[in-house]
Amino acid sequence: ESLPPPDNLRLTLEALLLVAESPPTIRMLARVTGVPDAAVE
């Protein structure tokens, strides 16, 4: 199921970085959150 982009991108990115099994890339985080790479960067 497609998720909408998060309301609070910073909170979501912090959570993703905390639980990631291995260090992700900007592109991976953008894909998971559904926001452009530039917004994640």
PDB file of all heavy atoms in Angstrom:
ATOM      1  N   GLU A   1       0.840  -1.194   0.000  1.00  0.00           N
ATOM      2  CA  GLU A   1       0.000   0.000   0.000  1.00  0.00           C
ATOM      3  C   GLU A   1       0.876   1.245   0.000  1.00  0.00           C
ATOM      4  O   GLU A   1       1.837   1.353   0.751  1.00  0.00           O
ATOM      5  CB  GLU A   1      -0.888  -0.003   1.243  1.00  0.00           C
ATOM      6  CG  GLU A   1      -1.873   1.130   1.272  1.00  0.00           C
ATOM      7  CD  GLU A   1      -2.725   1.099   2.523  1.00  0.00           C
ATOM      8  OE1 GLU A   1      -3.095   0.000   2.957  1.00  0.00           O
ATOM      9  OE2 GLU A   1      -3.002   2.178   3.054  1.00  0.00           O
ATOM     10  N   SER A   2       0.556   2.177  -0.872  1.00  0.00           N
ATOM     11  CA  SER A   2       1.318   3.416  -0.980  1.00  0.00           C
ATOM     12  C   SER A   2       1.036   4.300   0.229  1.00  0.00           C
ATOM     13  O   SER A   2      -0.108   4.463   0.636  1.00  0.00           O
ATOM     14  CB  SER A   2       0.926   4.140  -2.268  1.00  0.00           C
ATOM     15  OG  SER A   2       1.656   5.321  -2.382  1.00  0.00           O
ATOM     16  N   LEU A   3       2.095   4.822   0.794  1.00  0.00           N
ATOM     17  CA  LEU A   3       1.974   5.725   1.942  1.00  0.00           C
ATOM     18  C   LEU A   3       2.109   7.167   1.467  1.00  0.00           C
ATOM     19  O   LEU A   3       2.907   7.454   0.577  1.00  0.00           O
ATOM     20  CB  LEU A   3       3.071   5.442   2.969  1.00  0.00           C
ATOM     21  CG  LEU A   3       3.014   4.121   3.705  1.00  0.00           C
ATOM     22  CD1 LEU A   3       4.294   3.929   4.514  1.00  0.00           C
ATOM     23  CD2 LEU A   3       1.814   4.060   4.617  1.00  0.00           C
ATOM     24  N   PRO A   4       1.397   8.088   2.102  1.00  0.00           N
ATOM     25  CA  PRO A   4       1.602   9.505   1.756  1.00  0.00           C
ATOM     26  C   PRO A   4       2.941   9.959   2.330  1.00  0.00           C
ATOM     27  O   PRO A   4       3.464   9.363   3.268  1.00  0.00           O
ATOM     28  CB  PRO A   4       0.435  10.202   2.463  1.00  0.00           C
ATOM     29  CG  PRO A   4       0.089   9.310   3.613  1.00  0.00           C
ATOM     30  CD  PRO A   4       0.382   7.905   3.142  1.00  0.00           C
ATOM     31  N   PRO A   5       3.534  11.015   1.780  1.00  0.00           N
ATOM     32  CA  PRO A   5       4.765  11.550   2.362  1.00  0.00           C
ATOM     33  C   PRO A   5       4.523  11.900   3.836  1.00  0.00           C
ATOM     34  O   PRO A   5       3.417  12.298   4.212  1.00  0.00           O
ATOM     35  CB  PRO A   5       5.057  12.801   1.537  1.00  0.00           C
ATOM     36  CG  PRO A   5       4.315  12.582   0.260  1.00  0.00           C
ATOM     37  CD  PRO A   5       3.104  11.773   0.614  1.00  0.00           C
ATOM     38  N   PRO A   6       5.539  11.748   4.678  1.00  0.00           N
ATOM     39  CA  PRO A   6       5.348  12.021   6.105  1.00  0.00           C
ATOM     40  C   PRO A   6       5.069  13.503   6.376  1.00  0.00           C
ATOM     41  O   PRO A   6       5.568  14.386   5.676  1.00  0.00           O
ATOM     42  CB  PRO A   6       6.667  11.592   6.736  1.00  0.00           C
ATOM     43  CG  PRO A   6       7.649  11.558   5.627  1.00  0.00           C
ATOM     44  CD  PRO A   6       6.894  11.326   4.364  1.00  0.00           C
ATOM     45  N   ASP A   7       4.270  13.743   7.423  1.00  0.00           N
ATOM     46  CA  ASP A   7       3.986  15.118   7.842  1.00  0.00           C
ATOM     47  C   ASP A   7       5.244  15.777   8.409  1.00  0.00           C
ATOM     48  O   ASP A   7       5.469  16.964   8.221  1.00  0.00           O
ATOM     49  CB  ASP A   7       2.878  15.142   8.902  1.00  0.00           C
ATOM     50  CG  ASP A   7       1.537  14.722   8.334  1.00  0.00           C
ATOM     51  OD1 ASP A   7       1.298  14.945   7.129  1.00  0.00           O
ATOM     52  OD2 ASP A   7       0.732  14.160   9.095  1.00  0.00           O
ATOM     53  N   ASN A   8       6.042  14.996   9.131  1.00  0.00           N
ATOM     54  CA  ASN A   8       7.259  15.516   9.742  1.00  0.00           C
ATOM     55  C   ASN A   8       8.432  14.703   9.189  1.00  0.00           C
ATOM     56  O   ASN A   8       8.760  13.635   9.696  1.00  0.00           O
ATOM     57  CB  ASN A   8       7.172  15.398  11.273  1.00  0.00           C
ATOM     58  CG  ASN A   8       8.355  16.038  11.969  1.00  0.00           C
ATOM     59  OD1 ASN A   8       9.451  16.137  11.414  1.00  0.00           O
ATOM     60  ND2 ASN A   8       8.134  16.462  13.202  1.00  0.00           N
ATOM     61  N   LEU A   9       9.062  15.206   8.118  1.00  0.00           N
ATOM     62  CA  LEU A   9      10.130  14.476   7.438  1.00  0.00           C
ATOM     63  C   LEU A   9      11.339  14.280   8.342  1.00  0.00           C
ATOM     64  O   LEU A   9      11.930  13.206   8.363  1.00  0.00           O
ATOM     65  CB  LEU A   9      10.520  15.191   6.141  1.00  0.00           C
ATOM     66  CG  LEU A   9      11.546  14.475   5.268  1.00  0.00           C
ATOM     67  CD1 LEU A   9      11.081  13.074   4.886  1.00  0.00           C
ATOM     68  CD2 LEU A   9      11.860  15.304   4.025  1.00  0.00           C
ATOM     69  N   ARG A  10      11.696  15.269   9.135  1.00  0.00           N
ATOM     70  CA  ARG A  10      12.861  15.143  10.013  1.00  0.00           C
ATOM     71  C   ARG A  10      12.653  14.010  11.012  1.00  0.00           C
ATOM     72  O   ARG A  10      13.519  13.154  11.177  1.00  0.00           O
ATOM     73  CB  ARG A  10      13.129  16.458  10.754  1.00  0.00           C
ATOM     74  CG  ARG A  10      14.334  16.355  11.678  1.00  0.00           C
ATOM     75  CD  ARG A  10      14.644  17.645  12.389  1.00  0.00           C
ATOM     76  NE  ARG A  10      15.710  17.452  13.351  1.00  0.00           N
ATOM     77  CZ  ARG A  10      16.691  18.302  13.562  1.00  0.00           C
ATOM     78  NH1 ARG A  10      16.754  19.420  12.875  1.00  0.00           N
ATOM     79  NH2 ARG A  10      17.612  18.049  14.462  1.00  0.00           N
ATOM     80  N   LEU A  11      11.513  13.984  11.664  1.00  0.00           N
ATOM     81  CA  LEU A  11      11.208  12.933  12.628  1.00  0.00           C
ATOM     82  C   LEU A  11      11.268  11.563  11.952  1.00  0.00           C
ATOM     83  O   LEU A  11      11.868  10.618  12.488  1.00  0.00           O
ATOM     84  CB  LEU A  11       9.812  13.178  13.211  1.00  0.00           C
ATOM     85  CG  LEU A  11       9.274  12.138  14.177  1.00  0.00           C
ATOM     86  CD1 LEU A  11       8.507  12.829  15.292  1.00  0.00           C
ATOM     87  CD2 LEU A  11       8.382  11.144  13.477  1.00  0.00           C
ATOM     88  N   THR A  12      10.690  11.454  10.777  1.00  0.00           N
ATOM     89  CA  THR A  12      10.666  10.174  10.049  1.00  0.00           C
ATOM     90  C   THR A  12      12.070   9.745   9.657  1.00  0.00           C
ATOM     91  O   THR A  12      12.434   8.574   9.825  1.00  0.00           O
ATOM     92  CB  THR A  12       9.760  10.290   8.805  1.00  0.00           C
ATOM     93  OG1 THR A  12       8.459  10.698   9.229  1.00  0.00           O
ATOM     94  CG2 THR A  12       9.668   8.970   8.066  1.00  0.00           C
ATOM     95  N   LEU A  13      12.881  10.667   9.146  1.00  0.00           N
ATOM     96  CA  LEU A  13      14.252  10.318   8.746  1.00  0.00           C
ATOM     97  C   LEU A  13      15.085   9.890   9.953  1.00  0.00           C
ATOM     98  O   LEU A  13      15.862   8.928   9.865  1.00  0.00           O
ATOM     99  CB  LEU A  13      14.907  11.485   8.013  1.00  0.00           C
ATOM    100  CG  LEU A  13      14.333  11.803   6.634  1.00  0.00           C
ATOM    101  CD1 LEU A  13      14.992  13.050   6.055  1.00  0.00           C
ATOM    102  CD2 LEU A  13      14.469  10.618   5.688  1.00  0.00           C
ATOM    103  N   GLU A  14      14.945  10.576  11.071  1.00  0.00           N
ATOM    104  CA  GLU A  14      15.667  10.179  12.282  1.00  0.00           C
ATOM    105  C   GLU A  14      15.291   8.761  12.684  1.00  0.00           C
ATOM    106  O   GLU A  14      16.155   7.945  13.016  1.00  0.00           O
ATOM    107  CB  GLU A  14      15.375  11.148  13.432  1.00  0.00           C
ATOM    108  CG  GLU A  14      16.057  12.484  13.305  1.00  0.00           C
ATOM    109  CD  GLU A  14      15.669  13.453  14.427  1.00  0.00           C
ATOM    110  OE1 GLU A  14      14.634  13.236  15.092  1.00  0.00           O
ATOM    111  OE2 GLU A  14      16.408  14.425  14.614  1.00  0.00           O
ATOM    112  N   ALA A  15      13.990   8.448  12.638  1.00  0.00           N
ATOM    113  CA  ALA A  15      13.525   7.108  12.998  1.00  0.00           C
ATOM    114  C   ALA A  15      14.085   6.060  12.030  1.00  0.00           C
ATOM    115  O   ALA A  15      14.532   4.989  12.455  1.00  0.00           O
ATOM    116  CB  ALA A  15      11.998   7.064  13.015  1.00  0.00           C
ATOM    117  N   LEU A  16      14.069   6.361  10.755  1.00  0.00           N
ATOM    118  CA  LEU A  16      14.585   5.420   9.764  1.00  0.00           C
ATOM    119  C   LEU A  16      16.085   5.178   9.954  1.00  0.00           C
ATOM    120  O   LEU A  16      16.550   4.035   9.880  1.00  0.00           O
ATOM    121  CB  LEU A  16      14.313   5.931   8.344  1.00  0.00           C
ATOM    122  CG  LEU A  16      12.851   5.964   7.916  1.00  0.00           C
ATOM    123  CD1 LEU A  16      12.704   6.653   6.563  1.00  0.00           C
ATOM    124  CD2 LEU A  16      12.252   4.568   7.881  1.00  0.00           C
ATOM    125  N   LEU A  17      16.838   6.243  10.216  1.00  0.00           N
ATOM    126  CA  LEU A  17      18.273   6.097  10.442  1.00  0.00           C
ATOM    127  C   LEU A  17      18.555   5.287  11.713  1.00  0.00           C
ATOM    128  O   LEU A  17      19.514   4.531  11.769  1.00  0.00           O
ATOM    129  CB  LEU A  17      18.950   7.467  10.519  1.00  0.00           C
ATOM    130  CG  LEU A  17      19.042   8.214   9.194  1.00  0.00           C
ATOM    131  CD1 LEU A  17      19.439   9.668   9.428  1.00  0.00           C
ATOM    132  CD2 LEU A  17      20.019   7.531   8.255  1.00  0.00           C
ATOM    133  N   LEU A  18      17.695   5.441  12.700  1.00  0.00           N
ATOM    134  CA  LEU A  18      17.871   4.720  13.954  1.00  0.00           C
ATOM    135  C   LEU A  18      17.646   3.220  13.790  1.00  0.00           C
ATOM    136  O   LEU A  18      18.375   2.416  14.361  1.00  0.00           O
ATOM    137  CB  LEU A  18      16.914   5.281  15.018  1.00  0.00           C
ATOM    138  CG  LEU A  18      17.025   4.678  16.409  1.00  0.00           C
ATOM    139  CD1 LEU A  18      18.375   4.998  17.029  1.00  0.00           C
ATOM    140  CD2 LEU A  18      15.913   5.205  17.287  1.00  0.00           C
ATOM    141  N   VAL A  19      16.666   2.829  12.995  1.00  0.00           N
ATOM    142  CA  VAL A  19      16.320   1.408  12.888  1.00  0.00           C
ATOM    143  C   VAL A  19      16.940   0.704  11.688  1.00  0.00           C
ATOM    144  O   VAL A  19      16.842  -0.524  11.581  1.00  0.00           O
ATOM    145  CB  VAL A  19      14.781   1.200  12.858  1.00  0.00           C
ATOM    146  CG1 VAL A  19      14.142   1.766  14.110  1.00  0.00           C
ATOM    147  CG2 VAL A  19      14.160   1.788  11.614  1.00  0.00           C
ATOM    148  N   ALA A  20      17.586   1.435  10.791  1.00  0.00           N
ATOM    149  CA  ALA A  20      18.159   0.820   9.590  1.00  0.00           C
ATOM    150  C   ALA A  20      19.181  -0.245   9.962  1.00  0.00           C
ATOM    151  O   ALA A  20      20.042  -0.023  10.804  1.00  0.00           O
ATOM    152  CB  ALA A  20      18.807   1.891   8.712  1.00  0.00           C
ATOM    153  N   GLU A  21      19.069  -1.408   9.315  1.00  0.00           N
ATOM    154  CA  GLU A  21      19.997  -2.507   9.553  1.00  0.00           C
ATOM    155  C   GLU A  21      21.408  -2.145   9.094  1.00  0.00           C
ATOM    156  O   GLU A  21      22.391  -2.518   9.718  1.00  0.00           O
ATOM    157  CB  GLU A  21      19.523  -3.743   8.795  1.00  0.00           C
ATOM    158  CG  GLU A  21      19.364  -4.939   9.681  1.00  0.00           C
ATOM    159  CD  GLU A  21      18.792  -6.110   8.930  1.00  0.00           C
ATOM    160  OE1 GLU A  21      19.565  -6.800   8.236  1.00  0.00           O
ATOM    161  OE2 GLU A  21      17.582  -6.316   9.038  1.00  0.00           O
ATOM    162  N   SER A  22      21.493  -1.451   7.964  1.00  0.00           N
ATOM    163  CA  SER A  22      22.778  -0.952   7.478  1.00  0.00           C
ATOM    164  C   SER A  22      22.556   0.488   7.024  1.00  0.00           C
ATOM    165  O   SER A  22      21.436   0.868   6.692  1.00  0.00           O
ATOM    166  CB  SER A  22      23.299  -1.823   6.333  1.00  0.00           C
ATOM    167  OG  SER A  22      22.378  -1.855   5.275  1.00  0.00           O
ATOM    168  N   PRO A  23      23.610   1.303   7.030  1.00  0.00           N
ATOM    169  CA  PRO A  23      23.446   2.722   6.705  1.00  0.00           C
ATOM    170  C   PRO A  23      22.832   2.931   5.322  1.00  0.00           C
ATOM    171  O   PRO A  23      23.367   2.454   4.321  1.00  0.00           O
ATOM    172  CB  PRO A  23      24.869   3.272   6.773  1.00  0.00           C
ATOM    173  CG  PRO A  23      25.594   2.339   7.685  1.00  0.00           C
ATOM    174  CD  PRO A  23      24.994   0.993   7.410  1.00  0.00           C
ATOM    175  N   PRO A  24      21.694   3.634   5.242  1.00  0.00           N
ATOM    176  CA  PRO A  24      21.048   3.888   3.956  1.00  0.00           C
ATOM    177  C   PRO A  24      21.655   5.082   3.228  1.00  0.00           C
ATOM    178  O   PRO A  24      22.438   5.846   3.790  1.00  0.00           O
ATOM    179  CB  PRO A  24      19.596   4.187   4.356  1.00  0.00           C
ATOM    180  CG  PRO A  24      19.717   4.798   5.712  1.00  0.00           C
ATOM    181  CD  PRO A  24      20.900   4.121   6.370  1.00  0.00           C
ATOM    182  N   THR A  25      21.256   5.246   1.979  1.00  0.00           N
ATOM    183  CA  THR A  25      21.666   6.392   1.166  1.00  0.00           C
ATOM    184  C   THR A  25      20.517   7.397   1.120  1.00  0.00           C
ATOM    185  O   THR A  25      19.388   7.085   1.510  1.00  0.00           O
ATOM    186  CB  THR A  25      21.990   5.949  -0.273  1.00  0.00           C
ATOM    187  OG1 THR A  25      20.794   5.418  -0.863  1.00  0.00           O
ATOM    188  CG2 THR A  25      23.103   4.919  -0.313  1.00  0.00           C
ATOM    189  N   ILE A  26      20.800   8.582   0.621  1.00  0.00           N
ATOM    190  CA  ILE A  26      19.758   9.604   0.424  1.00  0.00           C
ATOM    191  C   ILE A  26      18.653   9.042  -0.477  1.00  0.00           C
ATOM    192  O   ILE A  26      17.466   9.166  -0.183  1.00  0.00           O
ATOM    193  CB  ILE A  26      20.358  10.887  -0.217  1.00  0.00           C
ATOM    194  CG1 ILE A  26      21.366  11.556   0.724  1.00  0.00           C
ATOM    195  CG2 ILE A  26      19.265  11.850  -0.666  1.00  0.00           C
ATOM    196  CD1 ILE A  26      20.784  12.337   1.857  1.00  0.00           C
ATOM    197  N   ARG A  27      19.053   8.409  -1.559  1.00  0.00           N
ATOM    198  CA  ARG A  27      18.080   7.863  -2.517  1.00  0.00           C
ATOM    199  C   ARG A  27      17.164   6.829  -1.848  1.00  0.00           C
ATOM    200  O   ARG A  27      15.961   6.815  -2.080  1.00  0.00           O
ATOM    201  CB  ARG A  27      18.796   7.248  -3.709  1.00  0.00           C
ATOM    202  CG  ARG A  27      17.808   6.551  -4.656  1.00  0.00           C
ATOM    203  CD  ARG A  27      18.274   6.460  -6.044  1.00  0.00           C
ATOM    204  NE  ARG A  27      18.180   7.793  -6.629  1.00  0.00           N
ATOM    205  CZ  ARG A  27      19.047   8.272  -7.494  1.00  0.00           C
ATOM    206  NH1 ARG A  27      20.055   7.556  -7.903  1.00  0.00           N
ATOM    207  NH2 ARG A  27      18.904   9.479  -7.990  1.00  0.00           N
ATOM    208  N   MET A  28      17.733   5.956  -1.007  1.00  0.00           N
ATOM    209  CA  MET A  28      16.910   4.949  -0.315  1.00  0.00           C
ATOM    210  C   MET A  28      15.889   5.628   0.603  1.00  0.00           C
ATOM    211  O   MET A  28      14.722   5.245   0.637  1.00  0.00           O
ATOM    212  CB  MET A  28      17.795   4.001   0.498  1.00  0.00           C
ATOM    213  CG  MET A  28      18.681   3.109  -0.326  1.00  0.00           C
ATOM    214  SD  MET A  28      19.973   2.342   0.690  1.00  0.00           S
ATOM    215  CE  MET A  28      19.058   0.986   1.388  1.00  0.00           C
ATOM    216  N   LEU A  29      16.335   6.629   1.326  1.00  0.00           N
ATOM    217  CA  LEU A  29      15.437   7.339   2.236  1.00  0.00           C
ATOM    218  C   LEU A  29      14.347   8.077   1.459  1.00  0.00           C
ATOM    219  O   LEU A  29      13.190   8.111   1.889  1.00  0.00           O
ATOM    220  CB  LEU A  29      16.226   8.304   3.116  1.00  0.00           C
ATOM    221  CG  LEU A  29      17.182   7.649   4.120  1.00  0.00           C
ATOM    222  CD1 LEU A  29      18.068   8.698   4.779  1.00  0.00           C
ATOM    223  CD2 LEU A  29      16.416   6.850   5.169  1.00  0.00           C
ATOM    224  N   ALA A  30      14.703   8.637   0.322  1.00  0.00           N
ATOM    225  CA  ALA A  30      13.713   9.332  -0.510  1.00  0.00           C
ATOM    226  C   ALA A  30      12.671   8.343  -1.030  1.00  0.00           C
ATOM    227  O   ALA A  30      11.467   8.639  -1.035  1.00  0.00           O
ATOM    228  CB  ALA A  30      14.405  10.041  -1.668  1.00  0.00           C
ATOM    229  N   ARG A  31      13.127   7.181  -1.456  1.00  0.00           N
ATOM    230  CA  ARG A  31      12.207   6.165  -1.970  1.00  0.00           C
ATOM    231  C   ARG A  31      11.242   5.694  -0.877  1.00  0.00           C
ATOM    232  O   ARG A  31      10.040   5.588  -1.093  1.00  0.00           O
ATOM    233  CB  ARG A  31      12.992   4.974  -2.534  1.00  0.00           C
ATOM    234  CG  ARG A  31      12.119   3.995  -3.314  1.00  0.00           C
ATOM    235  CD  ARG A  31      12.894   2.815  -3.868  1.00  0.00           C
ATOM    236  NE  ARG A  31      13.314   1.943  -2.788  1.00  0.00           N
ATOM    237  CZ  ARG A  31      14.570   1.669  -2.454  1.00  0.00           C
ATOM    238  NH1 ARG A  31      15.568   2.193  -3.124  1.00  0.00           N
ATOM    239  NH2 ARG A  31      14.846   0.859  -1.460  1.00  0.00           N
ATOM    240  N   VAL A  32      11.760   5.448   0.325  1.00  0.00           N
ATOM    241  CA  VAL A  32      10.926   4.962   1.428  1.00  0.00           C
ATOM    242  C   VAL A  32       9.901   6.007   1.860  1.00  0.00           C
ATOM    243  O   VAL A  32       8.751   5.676   2.157  1.00  0.00           O
ATOM    244  CB  VAL A  32      11.804   4.536   2.628  1.00  0.00           C
ATOM    245  CG1 VAL A  32      10.979   4.282   3.874  1.00  0.00           C
ATOM    246  CG2 VAL A  32      12.615   3.294   2.276  1.00  0.00           C
ATOM    247  N   THR A  33      10.311   7.270   1.885  1.00  0.00           N
ATOM    248  CA  THR A  33       9.403   8.327   2.360  1.00  0.00           C
ATOM    249  C   THR A  33       8.533   8.904   1.250  1.00  0.00           C
ATOM    250  O   THR A  33       7.564   9.609   1.543  1.00  0.00           O
ATOM    251  CB  THR A  33      10.199   9.477   3.007  1.00  0.00           C
ATOM    252  OG1 THR A  33      11.145   9.978   2.052  1.00  0.00           O
ATOM    253  CG2 THR A  33      10.904   9.014   4.270  1.00  0.00           C
ATOM    254  N   GLY A  34       8.896   8.646   0.002  1.00  0.00           N
ATOM    255  CA  GLY A  34       8.108   9.166  -1.104  1.00  0.00           C
ATOM    256  C   GLY A  34       8.295  10.649  -1.341  1.00  0.00           C
ATOM    257  O   GLY A  34       7.404  11.328  -1.857  1.00  0.00           O
ATOM    258  N   VAL A  35       9.457  11.165  -0.969  1.00  0.00           N
ATOM    259  CA  VAL A  35       9.750  12.584  -1.205  1.00  0.00           C
ATOM    260  C   VAL A  35      10.980  12.679  -2.106  1.00  0.00           C
ATOM    261  O   VAL A  35      11.751  11.727  -2.209  1.00  0.00           O
ATOM    262  CB  VAL A  35       9.983  13.362   0.117  1.00  0.00           C
ATOM    263  CG1 VAL A  35       8.757  13.304   1.006  1.00  0.00           C
ATOM    264  CG2 VAL A  35      11.196  12.856   0.852  1.00  0.00           C
ATOM    265  N   PRO A  36      11.190  13.819  -2.758  1.00  0.00           N
ATOM    266  CA  PRO A  36      12.353  13.967  -3.645  1.00  0.00           C
ATOM    267  C   PRO A  36      13.681  13.887  -2.869  1.00  0.00           C
ATOM    268  O   PRO A  36      13.759  14.236  -1.683  1.00  0.00           O
ATOM    269  CB  PRO A  36      12.184  15.369  -4.250  1.00  0.00           C
ATOM    270  CG  PRO A  36      10.756  15.738  -4.011  1.00  0.00           C
ATOM    271  CD  PRO A  36      10.308  14.991  -2.798  1.00  0.00           C
ATOM    272  N   ASP A  37      14.720  13.430  -3.580  1.00  0.00           N
ATOM    273  CA  ASP A  37      16.064  13.354  -2.992  1.00  0.00           C
ATOM    274  C   ASP A  37      16.468  14.694  -2.376  1.00  0.00           C
ATOM    275  O   ASP A  37      17.073  14.731  -1.299  1.00  0.00           O
ATOM    276  CB  ASP A  37      17.102  12.987  -4.061  1.00  0.00           C
ATOM    277  CG  ASP A  37      16.987  11.555  -4.554  1.00  0.00           C
ATOM    278  OD1 ASP A  37      16.004  10.863  -4.213  1.00  0.00           O
ATOM    279  OD2 ASP A  37      17.892  11.129  -5.298  1.00  0.00           O
ATOM    280  N   ALA A  38      16.151  15.793  -3.055  1.00  0.00           N
ATOM    281  CA  ALA A  38      16.549  17.126  -2.584  1.00  0.00           C
ATOM    282  C   ALA A  38      15.920  17.447  -1.233  1.00  0.00           C
ATOM    283  O   ALA A  38      16.558  18.077  -0.374  1.00  0.00           O
ATOM    284  CB  ALA A  38      16.176  18.191  -3.611  1.00  0.00           C
ATOM    285  N   ALA A  39      14.683  17.017  -1.011  1.00  0.00           N
ATOM    286  CA  ALA A  39      14.020  17.266   0.276  1.00  0.00           C
ATOM    287  C   ALA A  39      14.712  16.474   1.386  1.00  0.00           C
ATOM    288  O   ALA A  39      14.930  16.987   2.490  1.00  0.00           O
ATOM    289  CB  ALA A  39      12.540  16.894   0.197  1.00  0.00           C
ATOM    290  N   VAL A  40      15.079  15.228   1.081  1.00  0.00           N
ATOM    291  CA  VAL A  40      15.798  14.411   2.071  1.00  0.00           C
ATOM    292  C   VAL A  40      17.155  15.039   2.352  1.00  0.00           C
ATOM    293  O   VAL A  40      17.554  15.181   3.509  1.00  0.00           O
ATOM    294  CB  VAL A  40      15.942  12.946   1.583  1.00  0.00           C
ATOM    295  CG1 VAL A  40      16.858  12.152   2.509  1.00  0.00           C
ATOM    296  CG2 VAL A  40      14.580  12.279   1.475  1.00  0.00           C
ATOM    297  N   GLU A  41      17.878  15.434   1.310  1.00  0.00           N
ATOM    298  CA  GLU A  41      19.200  16.050   1.478  1.00  0.00           C
ATOM    299  C   GLU A  41      19.113  17.302   2.341  1.00  0.00           C
ATOM    300  O   GLU A  41      19.966  17.546   3.186  1.00  0.00           O
ATOM    301  CB  GLU A  41      19.817  16.376   0.122  1.00  0.00           C
ATOM    302  CG  GLU A  41      21.178  17.057   0.199  1.00  0.00           C
ATOM    303  CD  GLU A  41      22.246  16.228   0.884  1.00  0.00           C
ATOM    304  OE1 GLU A  41      22.405  15.048   0.540  1.00  0.00           O
ATOM    305  OE2 GLU A  41      22.927  16.770   1.793  1.00  0.00           O
TER     306      GLU A  41
END
